[in-house]
Amino acid sequence: MQMKFNRNKNKKANDDIAELVYLCSEDKIHITYHTEDKRIASSTREFLKPHNWDEKGATLTFSGDMHQTFQVQFSELLTEYNFNTFKQ
């Protein structure tokens, strides 16, 4: 199943979902964000379904290996969150 969304100029493109794809046969959800002006790539995220998703009453936990991210403008995000102070 695929859902597409129009661009909301009130949000940063990296926070504005363009496409949400449920890959049921692969137990994945793939998210593509809108592309910033003057960029050719979009940020993406992919989530894998937890192994215990079908257990009644189970607590679903996500771990790092169940999530992949491609972040456009990552260096700008580092500056925004002051992570550059950790560089040597």
PDB file of N, CA and C in Angstrom:
ATOM      1  N   MET A   1       0.844  -1.161   0.000  1.00  0.00           N
ATOM      2  CA  MET A   1       0.000   0.000   0.000  1.00  0.00           C
ATOM      3  C   MET A   1       0.897   1.234   0.000  1.00  0.00           C
ATOM      4  N   GLN A   2       0.493   2.231  -0.762  1.00  0.00           N
ATOM      5  CA  GLN A   2       1.295   3.443  -0.911  1.00  0.00           C
ATOM      6  C   GLN A   2       0.411   4.660  -0.665  1.00  0.00           C
ATOM      7  N   MET A   3       0.955   5.608   0.130  1.00  0.00           N
ATOM      8  CA  MET A   3       0.253   6.863   0.386  1.00  0.00           C
ATOM      9  C   MET A   3       1.192   8.002  -0.001  1.00  0.00           C
ATOM     10  N   LYS A   4       0.655   9.000  -0.712  1.00  0.00           N
ATOM     11  CA  LYS A   4       1.447  10.169  -1.110  1.00  0.00           C
ATOM     12  C   LYS A   4       0.836  11.419  -0.498  1.00  0.00           C
ATOM     13  N   PHE A   5       1.713  12.354  -0.117  1.00  0.00           N
ATOM     14  CA  PHE A   5       1.273  13.566   0.548  1.00  0.00           C
ATOM     15  C   PHE A   5       1.821  14.799  -0.167  1.00  0.00           C
ATOM     16  N   ASN A   6       1.028  15.857  -0.198  1.00  0.00           N
ATOM     17  CA  ASN A   6       1.463  17.122  -0.775  1.00  0.00           C
ATOM     18  C   ASN A   6       2.456  17.806   0.153  1.00  0.00           C
ATOM     19  N   ARG A   7       3.260  18.681  -0.412  1.00  0.00           N
ATOM     20  CA  ARG A   7       4.276  19.423   0.339  1.00  0.00           C
ATOM     21  C   ARG A   7       3.618  20.456   1.244  1.00  0.00           C
ATOM     22  N   ASN A   8       4.024  20.493   2.499  1.00  0.00           N
ATOM     23  CA  ASN A   8       3.590  21.491   3.461  1.00  0.00           C
ATOM     24  C   ASN A   8       4.750  22.453   3.676  1.00  0.00           C
ATOM     25  N   LYS A   9       4.682  23.630   3.107  1.00  0.00           N
ATOM     26  CA  LYS A   9       5.782  24.601   3.168  1.00  0.00           C
ATOM     27  C   LYS A   9       6.008  25.141   4.579  1.00  0.00           C
ATOM     28  N   ASN A  10       5.102  24.851   5.514  1.00  0.00           N
ATOM     29  CA  ASN A  10       5.284  25.286   6.899  1.00  0.00           C
ATOM     30  C   ASN A  10       6.243  24.376   7.665  1.00  0.00           C
ATOM     31  N   LYS A  11       6.634  23.255   7.058  1.00  0.00           N
ATOM     32  CA  LYS A  11       7.573  22.315   7.664  1.00  0.00           C
ATOM     33  C   LYS A  11       8.849  22.271   6.848  1.00  0.00           C
ATOM     34  N   LYS A  12       9.953  21.877   7.480  1.00  0.00           N
ATOM     35  CA  LYS A  12      11.177  21.591   6.743  1.00  0.00           C
ATOM     36  C   LYS A  12      10.922  20.344   5.904  1.00  0.00           C
ATOM     37  N   ALA A  13      11.522  20.276   4.743  1.00  0.00           N
ATOM     38  CA  ALA A  13      11.305  19.134   3.849  1.00  0.00           C
ATOM     39  C   ALA A  13      11.699  17.822   4.526  1.00  0.00           C
ATOM     40  N   ASN A  14      12.743  17.845   5.362  1.00  0.00           N
ATOM     41  CA  ASN A  14      13.188  16.636   6.054  1.00  0.00           C
ATOM     42  C   ASN A  14      12.205  16.169   7.127  1.00  0.00           C
ATOM     43  N   ASP A  15      11.213  16.988   7.447  1.00  0.00           N
ATOM     44  CA  ASP A  15      10.184  16.630   8.425  1.00  0.00           C
ATOM     45  C   ASP A  15       8.826  16.397   7.773  1.00  0.00           C
ATOM     46  N   ASP A  16       8.745  16.573   6.469  1.00  0.00           N
ATOM     47  CA  ASP A  16       7.479  16.540   5.739  1.00  0.00           C
ATOM     48  C   ASP A  16       7.415  15.274   4.875  1.00  0.00           C
ATOM     49  N   ILE A  17       6.591  14.329   5.247  1.00  0.00           N
ATOM     50  CA  ILE A  17       6.507  13.047   4.544  1.00  0.00           C
ATOM     51  C   ILE A  17       5.895  13.232   3.157  1.00  0.00           C
ATOM     52  N   ALA A  18       6.586  12.719   2.148  1.00  0.00           N
ATOM     53  CA  ALA A  18       6.101  12.759   0.764  1.00  0.00           C
ATOM     54  C   ALA A  18       5.401  11.448   0.401  1.00  0.00           C
ATOM     55  N   GLU A  19       5.980  10.335   0.871  1.00  0.00           N
ATOM     56  CA  GLU A  19       5.448   9.028   0.493  1.00  0.00           C
ATOM     57  C   GLU A  19       5.643   8.044   1.642  1.00  0.00           C
ATOM     58  N   LEU A  20       4.610   7.298   1.902  1.00  0.00           N
ATOM     59  CA  LEU A  20       4.627   6.261   2.930  1.00  0.00           C
ATOM     60  C   LEU A  20       4.231   4.959   2.253  1.00  0.00           C
ATOM     61  N   VAL A  21       5.131   3.969   2.287  1.00  0.00           N
ATOM     62  CA  VAL A  21       4.893   2.703   1.601  1.00  0.00           C
ATOM     63  C   VAL A  21       4.938   1.568   2.616  1.00  0.00           C
ATOM     64  N   TYR A  22       3.859   0.797   2.673  1.00  0.00           N
ATOM     65  CA  TYR A  22       3.789  -0.387   3.518  1.00  0.00           C
ATOM     66  C   TYR A  22       4.133  -1.594   2.653  1.00  0.00           C
ATOM     67  N   LEU A  23       5.271  -2.198   2.923  1.00  0.00           N
ATOM     68  CA  LEU A  23       5.725  -3.376   2.188  1.00  0.00           C
ATOM     69  C   LEU A  23       5.375  -4.608   3.022  1.00  0.00           C
ATOM     70  N   CYS A  24       4.124  -4.988   2.957  1.00  0.00           N
ATOM     71  CA  CYS A  24       3.600  -6.055   3.828  1.00  0.00           C
ATOM     72  C   CYS A  24       4.321  -7.380   3.638  1.00  0.00           C
ATOM     73  N   SER A  25       4.634  -7.729   2.415  1.00  0.00           N
ATOM     74  CA  SER A  25       5.282  -9.016   2.158  1.00  0.00           C
ATOM     75  C   SER A  25       6.711  -9.061   2.705  1.00  0.00           C
ATOM     76  N   GLU A  26       7.314  -7.875   2.919  1.00  0.00           N
ATOM     77  CA  GLU A  26       8.680  -7.801   3.437  1.00  0.00           C
ATOM     78  C   GLU A  26       8.719  -7.350   4.896  1.00  0.00           C
ATOM     79  N   ASP A  27       7.546  -7.111   5.495  1.00  0.00           N
ATOM     80  CA  ASP A  27       7.449  -6.636   6.881  1.00  0.00           C
ATOM     81  C   ASP A  27       8.221  -5.337   7.094  1.00  0.00           C
ATOM     82  N   LYS A  28       8.044  -4.381   6.168  1.00  0.00           N
ATOM     83  CA  LYS A  28       8.753  -3.100   6.223  1.00  0.00           C
ATOM     84  C   LYS A  28       7.797  -1.934   6.002  1.00  0.00           C
ATOM     85  N   ILE A  29       8.211  -0.785   6.514  1.00  0.00           N
ATOM     86  CA  ILE A  29       7.559   0.488   6.196  1.00  0.00           C
ATOM     87  C   ILE A  29       8.660   1.402   5.683  1.00  0.00           C
ATOM     88  N   HIS A  30       8.447   1.986   4.523  1.00  0.00           N
ATOM     89  CA  HIS A  30       9.439   2.875   3.909  1.00  0.00           C
ATOM     90  C   HIS A  30       8.843   4.284   3.825  1.00  0.00           C
ATOM     91  N   ILE A  31       9.577   5.275   4.363  1.00  0.00           N
ATOM     92  CA  ILE A  31       9.134   6.672   4.357  1.00  0.00           C
ATOM     93  C   ILE A  31      10.102   7.490   3.531  1.00  0.00           C
ATOM     94  N   THR A  32       9.576   8.265   2.602  1.00  0.00           N
ATOM     95  CA  THR A  32      10.369   9.218   1.827  1.00  0.00           C
ATOM     96  C   THR A  32       9.851  10.606   2.143  1.00  0.00           C
ATOM     97  N   TYR A  33      10.780  11.501   2.455  1.00  0.00           N
ATOM     98  CA  TYR A  33      10.416  12.875   2.775  1.00  0.00           C
ATOM     99  C   TYR A  33      10.514  13.736   1.526  1.00  0.00           C
ATOM    100  N   HIS A  34       9.907  14.896   1.562  1.00  0.00           N
ATOM    101  CA  HIS A  34       9.977  15.812   0.423  1.00  0.00           C
ATOM    102  C   HIS A  34      11.402  16.301   0.219  1.00  0.00           C
ATOM    103  N   THR A  35      11.697  16.725  -0.990  1.00  0.00           N
ATOM    104  CA  THR A  35      13.023  17.217  -1.354  1.00  0.00           C
ATOM    105  C   THR A  35      13.079  18.721  -1.170  1.00  0.00           C
ATOM    106  N   GLU A  36      14.149  19.185  -0.512  1.00  0.00           N
ATOM    107  CA  GLU A  36      14.357  20.622  -0.362  1.00  0.00           C
ATOM    108  C   GLU A  36      14.614  21.239  -1.736  1.00  0.00           C
ATOM    109  N   ASP A  37      14.297  22.520  -1.874  1.00  0.00           N
ATOM    110  CA  ASP A  37      14.640  23.238  -3.094  1.00  0.00           C
ATOM    111  C   ASP A  37      16.150  23.160  -3.288  1.00  0.00           C
ATOM    112  N   LYS A  38      16.582  23.052  -4.508  1.00  0.00           N
ATOM    113  CA  LYS A  38      17.993  22.976  -4.900  1.00  0.00           C
ATOM    114  C   LYS A  38      18.665  21.673  -4.458  1.00  0.00           C
ATOM    115  N   ARG A  39      17.915  20.657  -4.116  1.00  0.00           N
ATOM    116  CA  ARG A  39      18.471  19.348  -3.761  1.00  0.00           C
ATOM    117  C   ARG A  39      17.970  18.317  -4.767  1.00  0.00           C
ATOM    118  N   ILE A  40      18.736  17.243  -4.932  1.00  0.00           N
ATOM    119  CA  ILE A  40      18.303  16.196  -5.862  1.00  0.00           C
ATOM    120  C   ILE A  40      17.922  14.911  -5.139  1.00  0.00           C
ATOM    121  N   ALA A  41      18.207  14.843  -3.838  1.00  0.00           N
ATOM    122  CA  ALA A  41      17.905  13.630  -3.072  1.00  0.00           C
ATOM    123  C   ALA A  41      16.966  13.961  -1.920  1.00  0.00           C
ATOM    124  N   SER A  42      16.215  12.965  -1.513  1.00  0.00           N
ATOM    125  CA  SER A  42      15.296  13.101  -0.391  1.00  0.00           C
ATOM    126  C   SER A  42      15.778  12.246   0.769  1.00  0.00           C
ATOM    127  N   SER A  43      15.460  12.672   1.977  1.00  0.00           N
ATOM    128  CA  SER A  43      15.735  11.852   3.150  1.00  0.00           C
ATOM    129  C   SER A  43      14.769  10.679   3.162  1.00  0.00           C
ATOM    130  N   THR A  44      15.220   9.553   3.683  1.00  0.00           N
ATOM    131  CA  THR A  44      14.369   8.363   3.758  1.00  0.00           C
ATOM    132  C   THR A  44      14.550   7.671   5.106  1.00  0.00           C
ATOM    133  N   ARG A  45      13.567   6.893   5.461  1.00  0.00           N
ATOM    134  CA  ARG A  45      13.638   6.023   6.640  1.00  0.00           C
ATOM    135  C   ARG A  45      12.956   4.711   6.296  1.00  0.00           C
ATOM    136  N   GLU A  46      13.455   3.647   6.899  1.00  0.00           N
ATOM    137  CA  GLU A  46      12.851   2.342   6.707  1.00  0.00           C
ATOM    138  C   GLU A  46      12.797   1.628   8.051  1.00  0.00           C
ATOM    139  N   PHE A  47      11.649   1.076   8.361  1.00  0.00           N
ATOM    140  CA  PHE A  47      11.439   0.366   9.613  1.00  0.00           C
ATOM    141  C   PHE A  47      11.071  -1.080   9.323  1.00  0.00           C
ATOM    142  N   LEU A  48      11.640  -2.003  10.083  1.00  0.00           N
ATOM    143  CA  LEU A  48      11.279  -3.417  10.007  1.00  0.00           C
ATOM    144  C   LEU A  48      10.284  -3.728  11.117  1.00  0.00           C
ATOM    145  N   LYS A  49       9.356  -4.597  10.827  1.00  0.00           N
ATOM    146  CA  LYS A  49       8.352  -4.990  11.813  1.00  0.00           C
ATOM    147  C   LYS A  49       9.021  -5.805  12.929  1.00  0.00           C
ATOM    148  N   PRO A  50       8.711  -5.513  14.198  1.00  0.00           N
ATOM    149  CA  PRO A  50       9.279  -6.303  15.298  1.00  0.00           C
ATOM    150  C   PRO A  50       8.909  -7.774  15.172  1.00  0.00           C
ATOM    151  N   HIS A  51       9.812  -8.645  15.593  1.00  0.00           N
ATOM    152  CA  HIS A  51       9.584 -10.091  15.447  1.00  0.00           C
ATOM    153  C   HIS A  51       8.380 -10.583  16.241  1.00  0.00           C
ATOM    154  N   ASN A  52       8.019  -9.883  17.316  1.00  0.00           N
ATOM    155  CA  ASN A  52       6.905 -10.347  18.153  1.00  0.00           C
ATOM    156  C   ASN A  52       5.623  -9.554  17.896  1.00  0.00           C
ATOM    157  N   TRP A  53       5.459  -9.015  16.718  1.00  0.00           N
ATOM    158  CA  TRP A  53       4.324  -8.158  16.418  1.00  0.00           C
ATOM    159  C   TRP A  53       2.982  -8.865  16.579  1.00  0.00           C
ATOM    160  N   ASP A  54       2.958 -10.178  16.419  1.00  0.00           N
ATOM    161  CA  ASP A  54       1.683 -10.903  16.452  1.00  0.00           C
ATOM    162  C   ASP A  54       1.356 -11.525  17.813  1.00  0.00           C
ATOM    163  N   GLU A  55       2.227 -11.294  18.819  1.00  0.00           N
ATOM    164  CA  GLU A  55       1.969 -11.830  20.152  1.00  0.00           C
ATOM    165  C   GLU A  55       0.967 -10.940  20.876  1.00  0.00           C
ATOM    166  N   LYS A  56      -0.090 -11.532  21.339  1.00  0.00           N
ATOM    167  CA  LYS A  56      -1.135 -10.779  22.031  1.00  0.00           C
ATOM    168  C   LYS A  56      -0.574 -10.183  23.326  1.00  0.00           C
ATOM    169  N   GLY A  57      -0.739  -8.875  23.499  1.00  0.00           N
ATOM    170  CA  GLY A  57      -0.283  -8.186  24.699  1.00  0.00           C
ATOM    171  C   GLY A  57       1.204  -7.935  24.757  1.00  0.00           C
ATOM    172  N   ALA A  58       1.927  -8.215  23.692  1.00  0.00           N
ATOM    173  CA  ALA A  58       3.383  -8.034  23.682  1.00  0.00           C
ATOM    174  C   ALA A  58       3.751  -6.556  23.636  1.00  0.00           C
ATOM    175  N   THR A  59       4.871  -6.226  24.242  1.00  0.00           N
ATOM    176  CA  THR A  59       5.428  -4.888  24.137  1.00  0.00           C
ATOM    177  C   THR A  59       6.351  -4.877  22.926  1.00  0.00           C
ATOM    178  N   LEU A  60       6.037  -4.011  21.974  1.00  0.00           N
ATOM    179  CA  LEU A  60       6.844  -3.946  20.757  1.00  0.00           C
ATOM    180  C   LEU A  60       8.021  -3.006  20.989  1.00  0.00           C
ATOM    181  N   THR A  61       9.200  -3.511  20.772  1.00  0.00           N
ATOM    182  CA  THR A  61      10.401  -2.704  20.924  1.00  0.00           C
ATOM    183  C   THR A  61      11.158  -2.672  19.619  1.00  0.00           C
ATOM    184  N   PHE A  62      11.654  -1.488  19.303  1.00  0.00           N
ATOM    185  CA  PHE A  62      12.454  -1.298  18.106  1.00  0.00           C
ATOM    186  C   PHE A  62      13.908  -1.140  18.518  1.00  0.00           C
ATOM    187  N   SER A  63      14.785  -1.794  17.800  1.00  0.00           N
ATOM    188  CA  SER A  63      16.217  -1.661  18.050  1.00  0.00           C
ATOM    189  C   SER A  63      16.866  -1.005  16.834  1.00  0.00           C
ATOM    190  N   GLY A  64      18.101  -0.617  16.988  1.00  0.00           N
ATOM    191  CA  GLY A  64      18.821   0.073  15.924  1.00  0.00           C
ATOM    192  C   GLY A  64      18.918  -0.711  14.626  1.00  0.00           C
ATOM    193  N   ASP A  65      18.966  -2.025  14.716  1.00  0.00           N
ATOM    194  CA  ASP A  65      19.075  -2.835  13.503  1.00  0.00           C
ATOM    195  C   ASP A  65      17.748  -2.985  12.771  1.00  0.00           C
ATOM    196  N   MET A  66      16.686  -2.420  13.324  1.00  0.00           N
ATOM    197  CA  MET A  66      15.369  -2.480  12.689  1.00  0.00           C
ATOM    198  C   MET A  66      15.018  -1.159  12.008  1.00  0.00           C
ATOM    199  N   HIS A  67      15.991  -0.272  11.893  1.00  0.00           N
ATOM    200  CA  HIS A  67      15.743   1.071  11.374  1.00  0.00           C
ATOM    201  C   HIS A  67      16.928   1.515  10.537  1.00  0.00           C
ATOM    202  N   GLN A  68      16.651   2.035   9.351  1.00  0.00           N
ATOM    203  CA  GLN A  68      17.692   2.596   8.486  1.00  0.00           C
ATOM    204  C   GLN A  68      17.295   4.010   8.106  1.00  0.00           C
ATOM    205  N   THR A  69      18.281   4.897   8.042  1.00  0.00           N
ATOM    206  CA  THR A  69      18.009   6.296   7.720  1.00  0.00           C
ATOM    207  C   THR A  69      19.017   6.799   6.703  1.00  0.00           C
ATOM    208  N   PHE A  70      18.530   7.553   5.727  1.00  0.00           N
ATOM    209  CA  PHE A  70      19.386   8.359   4.864  1.00  0.00           C
ATOM    210  C   PHE A  70      18.940   9.797   5.082  1.00  0.00           C
ATOM    211  N   GLN A  71      19.826  10.611   5.638  1.00  0.00           N
ATOM    212  CA  GLN A  71      19.464  11.978   5.996  1.00  0.00           C
ATOM    213  C   GLN A  71      20.207  12.964   5.090  1.00  0.00           C
ATOM    214  N   VAL A  72      19.456  13.722   4.291  1.00  0.00           N
ATOM    215  CA  VAL A  72      20.035  14.773   3.468  1.00  0.00           C
ATOM    216  C   VAL A  72      20.379  15.930   4.394  1.00  0.00           C
ATOM    217  N   GLN A  73      21.474  16.605   4.121  1.00  0.00           N
ATOM    218  CA  GLN A  73      21.925  17.770   4.894  1.00  0.00           C
ATOM    219  C   GLN A  73      22.287  17.385   6.320  1.00  0.00           C
ATOM    220  N   PHE A  74      22.881  16.236   6.508  1.00  0.00           N
ATOM    221  CA  PHE A  74      23.216  15.784   7.850  1.00  0.00           C
ATOM    222  C   PHE A  74      24.184  16.736   8.530  1.00  0.00           C
ATOM    223  N   SER A  75      25.146  17.290   7.785  1.00  0.00           N
ATOM    224  CA  SER A  75      26.119  18.203   8.392  1.00  0.00           C
ATOM    225  C   SER A  75      25.445  19.455   8.937  1.00  0.00           C
ATOM    226  N   GLU A  76      24.381  19.915   8.274  1.00  0.00           N
ATOM    227  CA  GLU A  76      23.649  21.066   8.786  1.00  0.00           C
ATOM    228  C   GLU A  76      22.911  20.713  10.066  1.00  0.00           C
ATOM    229  N   LEU A  77      22.432  19.490  10.170  1.00  0.00           N
ATOM    230  CA  LEU A  77      21.780  19.054  11.401  1.00  0.00           C
ATOM    231  C   LEU A  77      22.778  18.987  12.545  1.00  0.00           C
ATOM    232  N   LEU A  78      23.991  18.547  12.254  1.00  0.00           N
ATOM    233  CA  LEU A  78      25.019  18.502  13.293  1.00  0.00           C
ATOM    234  C   LEU A  78      25.293  19.897  13.838  1.00  0.00           C
ATOM    235  N   THR A  79      25.393  20.863  12.951  1.00  0.00           N
ATOM    236  CA  THR A  79      25.623  22.233  13.379  1.00  0.00           C
ATOM    237  C   THR A  79      24.444  22.733  14.206  1.00  0.00           C
ATOM    238  N   GLU A  80      23.252  22.426  13.762  1.00  0.00           N
ATOM    239  CA  GLU A  80      22.044  22.863  14.455  1.00  0.00           C
ATOM    240  C   GLU A  80      22.005  22.323  15.885  1.00  0.00           C
ATOM    241  N   TYR A  81      22.452  21.116  16.101  1.00  0.00           N
ATOM    242  CA  TYR A  81      22.407  20.509  17.424  1.00  0.00           C
ATOM    243  C   TYR A  81      23.745  20.624  18.167  1.00  0.00           C
ATOM    244  N   ASN A  82      24.655  21.441  17.645  1.00  0.00           N
ATOM    245  CA  ASN A  82      25.940  21.726  18.289  1.00  0.00           C
ATOM    246  C   ASN A  82      26.833  20.500  18.465  1.00  0.00           C
ATOM    247  N   PHE A  83      26.697  19.512  17.592  1.00  0.00           N
ATOM    248  CA  PHE A  83      27.568  18.356  17.652  1.00  0.00           C
ATOM    249  C   PHE A  83      28.963  18.684  17.114  1.00  0.00           C
ATOM    250  N   ASN A  84      29.094  19.783  16.404  1.00  0.00           N
ATOM    251  CA  ASN A  84      30.413  20.160  15.889  1.00  0.00           C
ATOM    252  C   ASN A  84      31.370  20.472  17.019  1.00  0.00           C
ATOM    253  N   THR A  85      30.906  20.763  18.203  1.00  0.00           N
ATOM    254  CA  THR A  85      31.791  21.025  19.330  1.00  0.00           C
ATOM    255  C   THR A  85      32.560  19.791  19.757  1.00  0.00           C
ATOM    256  N   PHE A  86      32.098  18.604  19.330  1.00  0.00           N
ATOM    257  CA  PHE A  86      32.766  17.366  19.673  1.00  0.00           C
ATOM    258  C   PHE A  86      33.853  17.000  18.673  1.00  0.00           C
ATOM    259  N   LYS A  87      33.955  17.725  17.572  1.00  0.00           N
ATOM    260  CA  LYS A  87      35.002  17.432  16.580  1.00  0.00           C
ATOM    261  C   LYS A  87      36.366  17.816  17.143  1.00  0.00           C
ATOM    262  N   GLN A  88      37.396  17.078  16.745  1.00  0.00           N
ATOM    263  CA  GLN A  88      38.741  17.396  17.207  1.00  0.00           C
ATOM    264  C   GLN A  88      39.537  18.036  16.104  1.00  0.00           C
TER     265      GLN A  88
END
